[in-house]
Amino acid sequence: MSHPDADRFKSNADECRQMAHAAETEDAREAWLRLAAEWDKLAEHARNRRGIFDRYE
């Protein structure tokens, strides 16, 4: 994975947080925030994986 992947994942997380802000129920808000947290994890993973490969370039 690359930094563009990480950026895209972070963007998805931000969009989920916006959806959480607009959610009409607490359950929906919490679901969007859980999804945002998962996208944040993927973004962090993508950044970390790329860092490993940077050492060999």
N, C-alpha and C. Protein backbone atom coordinates (compact mmCIF):
# COMPACT_ATOMS: atom_id res chain seq x y z
N MET A 1 0.84 -1.18 0.00
CA MET A 1 0.00 0.00 0.00
C MET A 1 0.89 1.24 0.00
N SER A 2 0.34 2.31 -0.46
CA SER A 2 1.13 3.51 -0.62
C SER A 2 0.49 4.68 0.13
N HIS A 3 1.20 5.79 0.09
CA HIS A 3 0.66 6.99 0.72
C HIS A 3 -0.65 7.43 0.08
N PRO A 4 -0.82 7.30 -1.24
CA PRO A 4 -2.14 7.63 -1.81
C PRO A 4 -3.25 6.77 -1.20
N ASP A 5 -2.94 5.49 -0.92
CA ASP A 5 -3.93 4.65 -0.24
C ASP A 5 -4.24 5.21 1.13
N ALA A 6 -3.21 5.57 1.87
CA ALA A 6 -3.41 6.11 3.20
C ALA A 6 -4.25 7.39 3.14
N ASP A 7 -3.97 8.23 2.18
CA ASP A 7 -4.74 9.48 2.03
C ASP A 7 -6.20 9.19 1.71
N ARG A 8 -6.42 8.22 0.85
CA ARG A 8 -7.80 7.85 0.49
C ARG A 8 -8.53 7.27 1.69
N PHE A 9 -7.85 6.42 2.46
CA PHE A 9 -8.47 5.83 3.65
C PHE A 9 -8.80 6.91 4.67
N LYS A 10 -7.89 7.86 4.84
CA LYS A 10 -8.13 8.96 5.79
C LYS A 10 -9.32 9.80 5.33
N SER A 11 -9.42 10.02 4.02
CA SER A 11 -10.55 10.77 3.47
C SER A 11 -11.86 10.04 3.75
N ASN A 12 -11.84 8.72 3.60
CA ASN A 12 -13.04 7.93 3.91
C ASN A 12 -13.41 8.06 5.38
N ALA A 13 -12.42 8.06 6.26
CA ALA A 13 -12.68 8.23 7.69
C ALA A 13 -13.29 9.59 7.97
N ASP A 14 -12.77 10.62 7.32
CA ASP A 14 -13.33 11.96 7.51
C ASP A 14 -14.77 12.03 7.04
N GLU A 15 -15.06 11.38 5.93
CA GLU A 15 -16.43 11.36 5.42
C GLU A 15 -17.37 10.64 6.39
N CYS A 16 -16.90 9.57 6.99
CA CYS A 16 -17.70 8.86 7.99
C CYS A 16 -17.98 9.75 9.20
N ARG A 17 -16.99 10.53 9.62
CA ARG A 17 -17.21 11.45 10.74
C ARG A 17 -18.25 12.51 10.38
N GLN A 18 -18.24 12.97 9.14
CA GLN A 18 -19.25 13.93 8.70
C GLN A 18 -20.64 13.29 8.73
N MET A 19 -20.71 12.04 8.30
CA MET A 19 -21.98 11.33 8.33
C MET A 19 -22.45 11.13 9.78
N ALA A 20 -21.52 10.87 10.67
CA ALA A 20 -21.87 10.71 12.08
C ALA A 20 -22.45 12.01 12.63
N HIS A 21 -21.86 13.12 12.24
CA HIS A 21 -22.34 14.42 12.70
C HIS A 21 -23.77 14.67 12.22
N ALA A 22 -24.10 14.19 11.03
CA ALA A 22 -25.43 14.40 10.45
C ALA A 22 -26.43 13.31 10.83
N ALA A 23 -25.97 12.27 11.51
CA ALA A 23 -26.85 11.14 11.83
C ALA A 23 -28.02 11.58 12.70
N GLU A 24 -29.15 10.96 12.47
CA GLU A 24 -30.35 11.32 13.21
C GLU A 24 -30.55 10.52 14.49
N THR A 25 -29.84 9.40 14.61
CA THR A 25 -29.97 8.60 15.83
C THR A 25 -28.59 8.33 16.42
N GLU A 26 -28.60 8.05 17.71
CA GLU A 26 -27.35 7.73 18.40
C GLU A 26 -26.72 6.45 17.84
N ASP A 27 -27.56 5.46 17.54
CA ASP A 27 -27.04 4.21 16.97
C ASP A 27 -26.34 4.47 15.63
N ALA A 28 -26.95 5.27 14.80
CA ALA A 28 -26.34 5.58 13.51
C ALA A 28 -25.04 6.35 13.70
N ARG A 29 -25.05 7.30 14.61
CA ARG A 29 -23.83 8.09 14.89
C ARG A 29 -22.70 7.18 15.33
N GLU A 30 -23.00 6.28 16.25
CA GLU A 30 -21.97 5.36 16.75
C GLU A 30 -21.47 4.43 15.66
N ALA A 31 -22.36 3.97 14.79
CA ALA A 31 -21.94 3.10 13.69
C ALA A 31 -20.99 3.84 12.75
N TRP A 32 -21.33 5.08 12.41
CA TRP A 32 -20.45 5.86 11.53
C TRP A 32 -19.09 6.10 12.19
N LEU A 33 -19.10 6.35 13.50
CA LEU A 33 -17.82 6.58 14.19
C LEU A 33 -16.98 5.31 14.25
N ARG A 34 -17.62 4.15 14.41
CA ARG A 34 -16.87 2.88 14.39
C ARG A 34 -16.26 2.67 13.01
N LEU A 35 -17.03 2.97 11.98
CA LEU A 35 -16.51 2.82 10.63
C LEU A 35 -15.35 3.78 10.38
N ALA A 36 -15.46 4.99 10.87
CA ALA A 36 -14.37 5.96 10.74
C ALA A 36 -13.11 5.44 11.43
N ALA A 37 -13.27 4.86 12.60
CA ALA A 37 -12.12 4.31 13.32
C ALA A 37 -11.44 3.20 12.53
N GLU A 38 -12.23 2.38 11.86
CA GLU A 38 -11.64 1.31 11.04
C GLU A 38 -10.88 1.89 9.86
N TRP A 39 -11.43 2.92 9.20
CA TRP A 39 -10.71 3.57 8.10
C TRP A 39 -9.42 4.20 8.61
N ASP A 40 -9.46 4.79 9.81
CA ASP A 40 -8.24 5.37 10.39
C ASP A 40 -7.17 4.30 10.60
N LYS A 41 -7.59 3.13 11.07
CA LYS A 41 -6.64 2.02 11.26
C LYS A 41 -6.01 1.61 9.93
N LEU A 42 -6.85 1.52 8.90
CA LEU A 42 -6.32 1.16 7.58
C LEU A 42 -5.34 2.22 7.07
N ALA A 43 -5.65 3.48 7.29
CA ALA A 43 -4.76 4.56 6.86
C ALA A 43 -3.42 4.45 7.58
N GLU A 44 -3.46 4.21 8.88
CA GLU A 44 -2.22 4.07 9.65
C GLU A 44 -1.42 2.87 9.16
N HIS A 45 -2.10 1.78 8.92
CA HIS A 45 -1.44 0.57 8.42
C HIS A 45 -0.77 0.85 7.07
N ALA A 46 -1.47 1.54 6.19
CA ALA A 46 -0.91 1.86 4.87
C ALA A 46 0.33 2.74 5.01
N ARG A 47 0.28 3.71 5.91
CA ARG A 47 1.46 4.56 6.13
C ARG A 47 2.63 3.76 6.68
N ASN A 48 2.35 2.88 7.63
CA ASN A 48 3.41 2.07 8.24
C ASN A 48 4.01 1.08 7.25
N ARG A 49 3.18 0.46 6.44
CA ARG A 49 3.68 -0.50 5.45
C ARG A 49 4.58 0.20 4.44
N ARG A 50 4.17 1.38 4.01
CA ARG A 50 4.97 2.12 3.04
C ARG A 50 6.31 2.48 3.67
N GLY A 51 6.32 2.83 4.93
CA GLY A 51 7.56 3.18 5.61
C GLY A 51 8.57 2.06 5.59
N ILE A 52 8.11 0.83 5.70
CA ILE A 52 9.00 -0.33 5.64
C ILE A 52 9.67 -0.40 4.27
N PHE A 53 8.91 -0.20 3.21
CA PHE A 53 9.46 -0.30 1.87
C PHE A 53 10.35 0.87 1.52
N ASP A 54 10.10 2.03 2.12
CA ASP A 54 10.95 3.21 1.86
C ASP A 54 12.41 2.93 2.22
N ARG A 55 12.65 2.08 3.21
CA ARG A 55 14.01 1.78 3.65
C ARG A 55 14.84 1.10 2.57
N TYR A 56 14.17 0.44 1.65
CA TYR A 56 14.87 -0.35 0.64
C TYR A 56 14.95 0.33 -0.72
N GLU A 57 14.46 1.54 -0.81
CA GLU A 57 14.51 2.25 -2.09
C GLU A 57 15.73 3.15 -2.15
